[in-house]
Structure formats: structure tokens, C-alpha cells
Amino acid sequence: MSEPARRLVPTADAERSPWFAYQYLVLRAVPRVEREEFVNVGVVLYSQDAGFLDAAVHVDASRLRALCADVDLDALGDGLETVRAVCRGEAVAGLDAAARPWRRFGWLEAPRSTVIQPSRPHGGLTRDPAAELTTLLDRLVR
């Protein structure tokens, strides 16, 4: 007979402050795609259980210029704003404003060979998706 599944959070704690499963992507700026060198510039966090999809970004221009002196920071900023607009549910980049959050996250995680590229998705648990997004930005980007 197999063991029962372990609970990740005690029931009393879960009622006060539930845990939410989430997935996240690290956004990478790849100024010269053919060289495959990158600098992390943002994080997208999606939690279906919490109804949360958002992106946080931070661009370190000096690190990017170390890889490519003539990197177009304005175009990079525009691309990152498009990512944030997708998270907000705006009709951009071919996505309908009515697209569900899981579909928008799927669009963001799709591999591409452009200047902004997502990592593979990673997962975790959190009680506060917005705070977790900030934590991930601090740990992985800044």
C-alpha cells in the first residue's frame, strides 16, 4: 500500500494564508542573438490558483553594453512594455484582450529568437505572488 500524499501546508495555516502554486519565466535580453549571450532583464510570474499574472523588469544598461555597445535600449524597453501589456490583458502582439491568463502566459513562454527571450518555466509555492515576483526579480535580475 502506498503512503498517503504529504500535505505541503497544515490545514489551519492554509485557511489563514493559503499557498499558491506558480510558474515563472526569466526574461533575457540577447542583444546579439547569434552569440547567445544574455543578461536577465525581468521575470514573469503566473499563478492560476491566485489569479495572478504579472511581470517585473530591470534593465542594467552597462551590463548590456558590455555584450553589445550599440544595443538598442529603447527597442528593448518597448519589448518589455509589450510583455507587461500582455500580462495586464491588453490586446497586443496578436493577442485578443479576452485571452485567458494561461493563454497569455503560454504566449510569453514560447521560445523565440528575438532580443527578448524567455527561460524555460520554473515553479514554486508562495503565499503572496506579488511579493514573490519582487523576490525573484531581486534574486535573478538585479
C-alpha atoms as a PDB file:
ATOM      1  CA  MET A   1       0.000   0.000   0.000  1.00  0.00           C
ATOM      2  CA  SER A   2       1.439   3.363  -0.958  1.00  0.00           C
ATOM      3  CA  GLU A   3       1.915   6.197   1.500  1.00  0.00           C
ATOM      4  CA  PRO A   4      -0.685   8.968   1.523  1.00  0.00           C
ATOM      5  CA  ALA A   5       0.314  12.195  -0.193  1.00  0.00           C
ATOM      6  CA  ARG A   6       2.039  14.672   2.117  1.00  0.00           C
ATOM      7  CA  ARG A   7       0.344  17.992   2.704  1.00  0.00           C
ATOM      8  CA  LEU A   8       2.625  20.900   1.968  1.00  0.00           C
ATOM      9  CA  VAL A   9       0.825  23.203   4.397  1.00  0.00           C
ATOM     10  CA  PRO A  10      -1.011  22.317   7.605  1.00  0.00           C
ATOM     11  CA  THR A  11      -4.767  22.777   7.253  1.00  0.00           C
ATOM     12  CA  ALA A  12      -5.046  25.533   9.893  1.00  0.00           C
ATOM     13  CA  ASP A  13      -2.256  27.535   8.236  1.00  0.00           C
ATOM     14  CA  ALA A  14      -3.780  27.014   4.793  1.00  0.00           C
ATOM     15  CA  GLU A  15      -7.085  28.506   5.946  1.00  0.00           C
ATOM     16  CA  ARG A  16      -5.380  31.676   7.198  1.00  0.00           C
ATOM     17  CA  SER A  17      -2.858  32.091   4.423  1.00  0.00           C
ATOM     18  CA  PRO A  18      -3.127  29.622   1.531  1.00  0.00           C
ATOM     19  CA  TRP A  19      -0.206  28.549  -0.579  1.00  0.00           C
ATOM     20  CA  PHE A  20      -0.445  29.154  -4.300  1.00  0.00           C
ATOM     21  CA  ALA A  21       1.429  27.166  -6.929  1.00  0.00           C
ATOM     22  CA  TYR A  22       3.092  29.329  -9.546  1.00  0.00           C
ATOM     23  CA  GLN A  23       5.275  29.226 -12.619  1.00  0.00           C
ATOM     24  CA  TYR A  24       7.792  31.848 -13.604  1.00  0.00           C
ATOM     25  CA  LEU A  25       9.955  32.775 -16.570  1.00  0.00           C
ATOM     26  CA  VAL A  26      13.161  34.770 -16.545  1.00  0.00           C
ATOM     27  CA  LEU A  27      13.244  37.297 -19.385  1.00  0.00           C
ATOM     28  CA  ARG A  28      16.630  37.549 -21.059  1.00  0.00           C
ATOM     29  CA  ALA A  29      17.975  40.305 -23.263  1.00  0.00           C
ATOM     30  CA  VAL A  30      20.051  38.788 -26.049  1.00  0.00           C
ATOM     31  CA  PRO A  31      21.470  41.793 -27.921  1.00  0.00           C
ATOM     32  CA  ARG A  32      23.328  39.664 -30.492  1.00  0.00           C
ATOM     33  CA  VAL A  33      21.245  36.547 -30.981  1.00  0.00           C
ATOM     34  CA  GLU A  34      23.949  34.770 -32.961  1.00  0.00           C
ATOM     35  CA  ARG A  35      26.309  34.909 -29.945  1.00  0.00           C
ATOM     36  CA  GLU A  36      23.684  33.590 -27.484  1.00  0.00           C
ATOM     37  CA  GLU A  37      24.999  35.824 -24.669  1.00  0.00           C
ATOM     38  CA  PHE A  38      22.335  37.313 -22.448  1.00  0.00           C
ATOM     39  CA  VAL A  39      21.557  39.471 -19.443  1.00  0.00           C
ATOM     40  CA  ASN A  40      18.499  38.775 -17.294  1.00  0.00           C
ATOM     41  CA  VAL A  41      16.117  41.743 -17.519  1.00  0.00           C
ATOM     42  CA  GLY A  42      12.853  40.578 -15.993  1.00  0.00           C
ATOM     43  CA  VAL A  43      10.601  37.921 -14.522  1.00  0.00           C
ATOM     44  CA  VAL A  44       7.050  36.865 -15.387  1.00  0.00           C
ATOM     45  CA  LEU A  45       5.074  35.093 -12.657  1.00  0.00           C
ATOM     46  CA  TYR A  46       1.808  33.247 -13.251  1.00  0.00           C
ATOM     47  CA  SER A  47      -0.370  31.613 -10.610  1.00  0.00           C
ATOM     48  CA  GLN A  48      -3.620  30.179 -11.879  1.00  0.00           C
ATOM     49  CA  ASP A  49      -4.786  29.441  -8.325  1.00  0.00           C
ATOM     50  CA  ALA A  50      -4.235  33.038  -7.219  1.00  0.00           C
ATOM     51  CA  GLY A  51      -5.479  34.569 -10.483  1.00  0.00           C
ATOM     52  CA  PHE A  52      -2.146  36.354 -10.882  1.00  0.00           C
ATOM     53  CA  LEU A  53      -0.093  37.176 -13.983  1.00  0.00           C
ATOM     54  CA  ASP A  54       2.461  39.979 -13.899  1.00  0.00           C
ATOM     55  CA  ALA A  55       5.960  40.914 -14.983  1.00  0.00           C
ATOM     56  CA  ALA A  56       8.677  42.909 -13.265  1.00  0.00           C
ATOM     57  CA  VAL A  57      11.637  44.279 -15.184  1.00  0.00           C
ATOM     58  CA  HIS A  58      15.003  45.871 -14.502  1.00  0.00           C
ATOM     59  CA  VAL A  59      17.449  46.757 -17.269  1.00  0.00           C
ATOM     60  CA  ASP A  60      21.122  47.193 -16.397  1.00  0.00           C
ATOM     61  CA  ALA A  61      22.304  49.202 -19.405  1.00  0.00           C
ATOM     62  CA  SER A  62      26.004  48.912 -18.561  1.00  0.00           C
ATOM     63  CA  ARG A  63      25.853  45.103 -18.440  1.00  0.00           C
ATOM     64  CA  LEU A  64      24.041  45.004 -21.781  1.00  0.00           C
ATOM     65  CA  ARG A  65      26.506  47.417 -23.372  1.00  0.00           C
ATOM     66  CA  ALA A  66      29.336  45.140 -22.224  1.00  0.00           C
ATOM     67  CA  LEU A  67      27.847  42.493 -24.534  1.00  0.00           C
ATOM     68  CA  CYS A  68      26.934  44.861 -27.351  1.00  0.00           C
ATOM     69  CA  ALA A  69      27.984  48.509 -27.350  1.00  0.00           C
ATOM     70  CA  ASP A  70      25.217  49.573 -29.737  1.00  0.00           C
ATOM     71  CA  VAL A  71      22.320  47.709 -28.105  1.00  0.00           C
ATOM     72  CA  ASP A  72      19.014  49.483 -28.773  1.00  0.00           C
ATOM     73  CA  LEU A  73      17.767  50.135 -25.239  1.00  0.00           C
ATOM     74  CA  ASP A  74      14.638  51.916 -26.491  1.00  0.00           C
ATOM     75  CA  ALA A  75      13.579  48.884 -28.541  1.00  0.00           C
ATOM     76  CA  LEU A  76      14.337  46.633 -25.574  1.00  0.00           C
ATOM     77  CA  GLY A  77      12.199  48.846 -23.337  1.00  0.00           C
ATOM     78  CA  ASP A  78       9.366  48.723 -25.876  1.00  0.00           C
ATOM     79  CA  GLY A  79       9.557  44.927 -25.983  1.00  0.00           C
ATOM     80  CA  LEU A  80       9.478  44.671 -22.203  1.00  0.00           C
ATOM     81  CA  GLU A  81       6.487  47.008 -22.093  1.00  0.00           C
ATOM     82  CA  THR A  82       4.736  44.687 -24.549  1.00  0.00           C
ATOM     83  CA  VAL A  83       5.368  41.795 -22.133  1.00  0.00           C
ATOM     84  CA  ARG A  84       3.844  43.830 -19.312  1.00  0.00           C
ATOM     85  CA  ALA A  85       0.852  44.720 -21.515  1.00  0.00           C
ATOM     86  CA  VAL A  86       0.300  41.034 -22.289  1.00  0.00           C
ATOM     87  CA  CYS A  87       0.286  40.348 -18.545  1.00  0.00           C
ATOM     88  CA  ARG A  88      -2.257  43.136 -17.992  1.00  0.00           C
ATOM     89  CA  GLY A  89      -4.554  41.560 -20.573  1.00  0.00           C
ATOM     90  CA  GLU A  90      -4.267  44.247 -23.212  1.00  0.00           C
ATOM     91  CA  ALA A  91      -4.832  43.442 -26.877  1.00  0.00           C
ATOM     92  CA  VAL A  92      -1.232  43.489 -28.130  1.00  0.00           C
ATOM     93  CA  ALA A  93       1.098  41.374 -30.225  1.00  0.00           C
ATOM     94  CA  GLY A  94      -1.741  39.487 -31.870  1.00  0.00           C
ATOM     95  CA  LEU A  95      -3.406  38.512 -28.604  1.00  0.00           C
ATOM     96  CA  ASP A  96      -7.042  39.353 -28.016  1.00  0.00           C
ATOM     97  CA  ALA A  97      -7.815  41.263 -24.810  1.00  0.00           C
ATOM     98  CA  ALA A  98     -10.184  38.405 -23.906  1.00  0.00           C
ATOM     99  CA  ALA A  99      -7.347  35.840 -23.920  1.00  0.00           C
ATOM    100  CA  ARG A 100      -7.254  33.988 -20.618  1.00  0.00           C
ATOM    101  CA  PRO A 101      -4.199  34.383 -18.380  1.00  0.00           C
ATOM    102  CA  TRP A 102      -2.948  30.818 -19.054  1.00  0.00           C
ATOM    103  CA  ARG A 103      -3.003  31.557 -22.787  1.00  0.00           C
ATOM    104  CA  ARG A 104      -1.118  34.838 -22.296  1.00  0.00           C
ATOM    105  CA  PHE A 105       1.478  33.058 -20.147  1.00  0.00           C
ATOM    106  CA  GLY A 106       1.800  30.378 -22.825  1.00  0.00           C
ATOM    107  CA  TRP A 107       2.393  33.061 -25.439  1.00  0.00           C
ATOM    108  CA  LEU A 108       5.096  34.621 -23.252  1.00  0.00           C
ATOM    109  CA  GLU A 109       6.854  31.298 -22.600  1.00  0.00           C
ATOM    110  CA  ALA A 110       7.005  30.298 -26.268  1.00  0.00           C
ATOM    111  CA  PRO A 111      10.620  30.054 -27.473  1.00  0.00           C
ATOM    112  CA  ARG A 112      11.728  32.795 -29.834  1.00  0.00           C
ATOM    113  CA  SER A 113      14.908  34.017 -31.434  1.00  0.00           C
ATOM    114  CA  THR A 114      14.468  37.717 -30.775  1.00  0.00           C
ATOM    115  CA  VAL A 115      16.276  40.133 -28.492  1.00  0.00           C
ATOM    116  CA  ILE A 116      13.935  39.284 -25.584  1.00  0.00           C
ATOM    117  CA  GLN A 117      13.839  35.563 -24.869  1.00  0.00           C
ATOM    118  CA  PRO A 118      12.120  33.653 -22.048  1.00  0.00           C
ATOM    119  CA  SER A 119      13.747  30.935 -19.996  1.00  0.00           C
ATOM    120  CA  ARG A 120      12.059  27.603 -19.597  1.00  0.00           C
ATOM    121  CA  PRO A 121       9.317  27.790 -16.963  1.00  0.00           C
ATOM    122  CA  HIS A 122      10.170  27.054 -13.346  1.00  0.00           C
ATOM    123  CA  GLY A 123       7.759  26.506 -10.477  1.00  0.00           C
ATOM    124  CA  GLY A 124       7.248  27.123  -6.813  1.00  0.00           C
ATOM    125  CA  LEU A 125       4.818  27.827  -3.999  1.00  0.00           C
ATOM    126  CA  THR A 126       4.055  31.171  -2.408  1.00  0.00           C
ATOM    127  CA  ARG A 127       1.516  32.823  -0.170  1.00  0.00           C
ATOM    128  CA  ASP A 128       1.930  36.182  -1.945  1.00  0.00           C
ATOM    129  CA  PRO A 129       2.534  36.104  -5.707  1.00  0.00           C
ATOM    130  CA  ALA A 130       3.288  39.842  -5.964  1.00  0.00           C
ATOM    131  CA  ALA A 131       5.918  39.656  -3.220  1.00  0.00           C
ATOM    132  CA  GLU A 132       7.368  36.503  -4.801  1.00  0.00           C
ATOM    133  CA  LEU A 133       7.694  38.347  -8.119  1.00  0.00           C
ATOM    134  CA  THR A 134       9.740  41.060  -6.395  1.00  0.00           C
ATOM    135  CA  THR A 135      11.867  38.441  -4.631  1.00  0.00           C
ATOM    136  CA  LEU A 136      12.581  36.647  -7.896  1.00  0.00           C
ATOM    137  CA  LEU A 137      13.467  39.928  -9.617  1.00  0.00           C
ATOM    138  CA  ASP A 138      15.918  40.754  -6.823  1.00  0.00           C
ATOM    139  CA  ARG A 139      17.466  37.275  -6.840  1.00  0.00           C
ATOM    140  CA  LEU A 140      17.642  36.642 -10.581  1.00  0.00           C
ATOM    141  CA  VAL A 141      17.906  40.035 -12.269  1.00  0.00           C
ATOM    142  CA  ARG A 142      19.254  42.810 -10.040  1.00  0.00           C
END
